[in-house]
Amino acid sequence: MPRQQQPAVRPVRRRSYDQFCATARALDSVGDRWTLLIVRELLGGPRRYTDLHADLPGVSTDVLASRLRDMEQNGLAVRRRLPPPAPASVYELTERGQGLLPVLTALAGWGAHALDERRPTDAVRAHWFALPLLRALDGLTHAGVVEVSLDEGEFHVRTGGGAPAAEVYGFGPAGRPDARIELDAALCLALGRGEVSLAEAVDDGRITVSGDTPLAAEIRGE
């Protein structure tokens, strides 16, 4: 009986700055274009390849597939098959990948100062405002889910209590949020830049808060 040929193992690409430096080693894994934006998308939880491609306008299918393979090989993400009746594969962050949240949050705070006006060529998704908003919600003591409504759409964030969650934010409205806030994208960015506090924006009416939970009451300043 002929010996069955084993599939070839894809070699790990050797791309390194070859510097004995923690920053250089980190960039060996996440320094490629699109990688950190893929992490941004996966911070919202497991996603299908098609969903990632739809929310990363401008990335080619080849580049996206290559980056996802690299992220798997570097221990940042895993791919798993969903159980029936949803025969699809999803990508999700590993614990090491989730550890990039402070990096993405810091980058969002730093980059928010460059978002003065939206350019005609700029794509936008509502959940892209989650990371700047998380900076403003970071001081909340009550844990829970906050549903956020912008003109661009809705998303929800998990915040409070000081405990990280596997899904930092979620896409679309939450099923049963602990609080709901309505504001605009410009205010999200101002909160992320530290130009206004959450309490100030609530007090002057730029944020509308609804809900009867302790988290909603804390956001209202009660």
Protein backbone atom coordinates (compact mmCIF):
# COMPACT_ATOMS: atom_id res chain seq x y z
CA MET A 1 0.00 0.00 0.00
CA PRO A 2 1.52 3.35 -0.99
CA ARG A 3 2.56 5.56 1.86
CA GLN A 4 0.27 8.53 2.26
CA GLN A 5 2.05 11.82 1.83
CA GLN A 6 1.78 14.16 4.78
CA PRO A 7 0.75 17.77 4.09
CA ALA A 8 3.63 20.19 4.11
CA VAL A 9 4.01 22.27 7.24
CA ARG A 10 4.09 25.94 6.48
CA PRO A 11 7.37 27.33 7.82
CA VAL A 12 7.31 30.29 10.14
CA ARG A 13 8.43 33.34 8.27
CA ARG A 14 11.62 34.77 9.68
CA ARG A 15 11.04 38.47 10.01
CA SER A 16 12.94 40.10 12.81
CA TYR A 17 14.74 43.26 13.70
CA ASP A 18 17.35 40.99 15.31
CA GLN A 19 17.69 43.28 18.28
CA PHE A 20 17.83 42.09 21.89
CA CYS A 21 15.20 44.65 22.89
CA ALA A 22 11.67 44.15 24.22
CA THR A 23 10.23 46.78 21.88
CA ALA A 24 11.92 45.22 18.85
CA ARG A 25 10.70 41.75 19.85
CA ALA A 26 7.14 43.06 20.18
CA LEU A 27 7.33 44.66 16.75
CA ASP A 28 8.58 41.36 15.33
CA SER A 29 5.08 40.05 16.12
CA VAL A 30 2.79 43.05 15.67
CA GLY A 31 4.77 45.57 13.64
CA ASP A 32 3.42 44.56 10.23
CA ARG A 33 0.81 46.77 8.62
CA TRP A 34 -2.76 45.70 9.53
CA THR A 35 -1.79 43.40 12.42
CA LEU A 36 -2.76 45.76 15.24
CA LEU A 37 -5.98 46.70 13.44
CA ILE A 38 -6.87 43.01 13.24
CA VAL A 39 -6.24 42.85 17.00
CA ARG A 40 -8.56 45.87 17.39
CA GLU A 41 -11.32 43.94 15.61
CA LEU A 42 -10.77 40.74 17.60
CA LEU A 43 -10.95 42.62 20.91
CA GLY A 44 -14.68 42.59 20.18
CA GLY A 45 -14.74 38.80 20.34
CA PRO A 46 -14.51 35.94 17.83
CA ARG A 47 -15.01 36.95 14.19
CA ARG A 48 -15.30 35.22 10.86
CA TYR A 49 -12.83 35.98 8.09
CA THR A 50 -15.55 37.67 6.04
CA ASP A 51 -16.50 39.92 8.96
CA LEU A 52 -12.89 40.93 9.47
CA HIS A 53 -12.49 41.73 5.79
CA ALA A 54 -15.68 43.84 5.81
CA ASP A 55 -14.53 45.91 8.81
CA LEU A 56 -10.97 46.39 7.57
CA PRO A 57 -11.64 48.39 4.39
CA GLY A 58 -8.54 48.60 2.24
CA VAL A 59 -6.93 45.30 3.20
CA SER A 60 -6.56 42.72 0.45
CA THR A 61 -7.74 39.15 0.99
CA ASP A 62 -4.18 37.85 0.56
CA VAL A 63 -2.73 40.24 3.14
CA LEU A 64 -5.50 39.55 5.64
CA ALA A 65 -5.04 35.79 5.30
CA SER A 66 -1.27 36.17 5.67
CA ARG A 67 -1.54 38.33 8.77
CA LEU A 68 -3.99 35.93 10.41
CA ARG A 69 -1.61 33.01 9.76
CA ASP A 70 1.25 34.99 11.28
CA MET A 71 -0.88 35.85 14.32
CA GLU A 72 -1.67 32.17 14.81
CA GLN A 73 2.01 31.21 14.56
CA ASN A 74 2.99 33.97 16.99
CA GLY A 75 0.42 32.84 19.55
CA LEU A 76 -1.76 35.95 19.27
CA ALA A 77 -4.86 34.34 17.78
CA VAL A 78 -6.43 30.95 17.20
CA ARG A 79 -8.94 29.69 14.67
CA ARG A 80 -11.73 27.37 15.73
CA ARG A 81 -14.78 25.81 14.15
CA LEU A 82 -18.18 26.88 15.42
CA PRO A 83 -20.54 24.05 16.41
CA PRO A 84 -23.68 23.35 14.32
CA PRO A 85 -25.90 24.90 13.10
CA ALA A 86 -23.24 27.53 12.25
CA PRO A 87 -20.66 25.67 10.15
CA ALA A 88 -18.09 28.44 10.07
CA SER A 89 -14.62 29.15 11.41
CA VAL A 90 -13.85 32.13 13.59
CA TYR A 91 -10.67 33.78 14.77
CA GLU A 92 -10.23 34.89 18.35
CA LEU A 93 -7.45 36.33 20.46
CA THR A 94 -5.42 34.22 22.83
CA GLU A 95 -4.61 35.48 26.31
CA ARG A 96 -1.38 36.86 24.85
CA GLY A 97 -3.32 38.64 22.13
CA GLN A 98 -5.75 40.10 24.67
CA GLY A 99 -2.72 41.48 26.48
CA LEU A 100 -2.41 44.02 23.66
CA LEU A 101 -5.45 45.93 24.95
CA PRO A 102 -3.36 48.51 26.88
CA VAL A 103 -1.21 48.99 23.76
CA LEU A 104 -4.25 49.62 21.55
CA THR A 105 -5.87 51.85 24.18
CA ALA A 106 -2.70 53.95 24.48
CA LEU A 107 -2.40 54.21 20.69
CA ALA A 108 -6.05 55.27 20.44
CA GLY A 109 -5.48 57.99 23.04
CA TRP A 110 -2.35 59.19 21.28
CA GLY A 111 -3.90 59.06 17.82
CA ALA A 112 -7.17 60.75 18.82
CA HIS A 113 -5.41 64.12 18.62
CA ALA A 114 -4.96 63.59 14.86
CA LEU A 115 -8.71 63.18 14.25
CA ASP A 116 -9.69 66.80 13.80
CA GLU A 117 -11.94 66.27 10.78
CA ARG A 118 -13.11 63.22 8.90
CA ARG A 119 -11.54 63.12 5.44
CA PRO A 120 -13.71 62.23 2.41
CA THR A 121 -11.72 59.00 1.97
CA ASP A 122 -12.04 57.93 5.62
CA ALA A 123 -14.12 54.84 6.35
CA VAL A 124 -15.81 54.69 9.74
CA ARG A 125 -17.38 52.02 11.94
CA ALA A 126 -19.16 52.76 15.19
CA HIS A 127 -17.13 50.23 17.20
CA TRP A 128 -13.88 52.01 16.28
CA PHE A 129 -14.82 54.56 18.96
CA ALA A 130 -14.87 51.90 21.68
CA LEU A 131 -11.20 52.16 22.62
CA PRO A 132 -11.17 55.96 23.09
CA LEU A 133 -14.37 55.68 25.12
CA LEU A 134 -12.91 52.95 27.35
CA ARG A 135 -10.37 55.47 28.63
CA ALA A 136 -13.20 57.65 29.93
CA LEU A 137 -15.06 54.70 31.48
CA ASP A 138 -11.96 53.23 33.11
CA GLY A 139 -12.60 54.77 36.52
CA LEU A 140 -16.04 53.23 37.02
CA THR A 141 -16.25 50.91 40.02
CA HIS A 142 -19.37 48.96 39.03
CA ALA A 143 -18.79 46.24 36.46
CA GLY A 144 -21.25 45.79 33.64
CA VAL A 145 -22.15 46.27 30.01
CA VAL A 146 -22.69 49.77 28.64
CA GLU A 147 -24.59 50.07 25.37
CA VAL A 148 -23.37 53.02 23.32
CA SER A 149 -25.44 54.76 20.67
CA LEU A 150 -23.77 57.02 18.10
CA ASP A 151 -25.03 58.43 14.82
CA GLU A 152 -22.67 55.94 13.16
CA GLY A 153 -24.28 52.96 14.88
CA GLU A 154 -24.27 51.07 18.15
CA PHE A 155 -21.79 48.98 20.10
CA HIS A 156 -21.37 47.94 23.70
CA VAL A 157 -18.42 47.88 26.07
CA ARG A 158 -17.64 45.87 29.16
CA THR A 159 -16.22 48.06 31.87
CA GLY A 160 -15.87 48.71 35.56
CA GLY A 161 -14.63 46.59 38.42
CA GLY A 162 -11.05 46.52 37.21
CA ALA A 163 -11.33 43.02 35.73
CA PRO A 164 -10.45 42.49 32.05
CA ALA A 165 -12.98 40.63 29.90
CA ALA A 166 -12.39 38.29 26.99
CA GLU A 167 -14.53 40.61 24.90
CA VAL A 168 -13.57 44.21 25.54
CA TYR A 169 -16.41 45.49 23.41
CA GLY A 170 -19.19 44.00 21.33
CA PHE A 171 -20.76 44.81 17.98
CA GLY A 172 -24.24 46.25 17.81
CA PRO A 173 -26.67 46.66 20.71
CA ALA A 174 -26.33 44.51 23.82
CA GLY A 175 -29.00 42.03 24.77
CA ARG A 176 -29.54 43.30 28.31
CA PRO A 177 -27.17 46.21 29.02
CA ASP A 178 -26.60 47.51 32.51
CA ALA A 179 -26.62 51.07 31.16
CA ARG A 180 -27.17 52.84 27.87
CA ILE A 181 -25.54 56.09 26.82
CA GLU A 182 -26.19 58.29 23.79
CA LEU A 183 -23.56 60.72 22.52
CA ASP A 184 -21.79 61.67 19.31
CA ALA A 185 -18.48 60.55 17.84
CA ALA A 186 -16.82 63.93 18.41
CA LEU A 187 -17.54 63.69 22.13
CA CYS A 188 -16.16 60.11 22.18
CA LEU A 189 -12.89 61.47 20.82
CA ALA A 190 -12.88 64.39 23.26
CA LEU A 191 -13.35 61.93 26.13
CA GLY A 192 -10.50 59.82 24.79
CA ARG A 193 -8.25 62.86 24.54
CA GLY A 194 -9.07 63.84 28.11
CA GLU A 195 -10.50 67.20 27.02
CA VAL A 196 -13.70 66.55 28.97
CA SER A 197 -14.54 64.09 31.70
CA LEU A 198 -17.43 61.65 31.68
CA ALA A 199 -19.04 63.46 34.62
CA GLU A 200 -18.77 66.83 32.89
CA ALA A 201 -20.32 65.51 29.66
CA VAL A 202 -23.21 63.95 31.62
CA ASP A 203 -23.76 67.10 33.69
CA ASP A 204 -23.96 69.41 30.67
CA GLY A 205 -26.34 67.09 28.82
CA ARG A 206 -24.03 65.94 26.05
CA ILE A 207 -24.42 62.36 27.24
CA THR A 208 -27.86 60.87 27.86
CA VAL A 209 -27.82 57.98 30.32
CA SER A 210 -30.60 55.43 30.78
CA GLY A 211 -30.90 52.39 33.03
CA ASP A 212 -31.82 51.62 36.63
CA THR A 213 -28.74 49.65 37.70
CA PRO A 214 -25.92 50.73 40.02
CA LEU A 215 -23.67 51.15 36.96
CA ALA A 216 -26.15 53.50 35.28
CA ALA A 217 -26.52 55.46 38.53
CA GLU A 218 -22.74 55.76 38.84
CA ILE A 219 -22.44 57.11 35.28
CA ARG A 220 -25.16 59.66 36.10
CA GLY A 221 -23.19 60.66 39.18
CA GLU A 222 -25.88 59.63 41.64
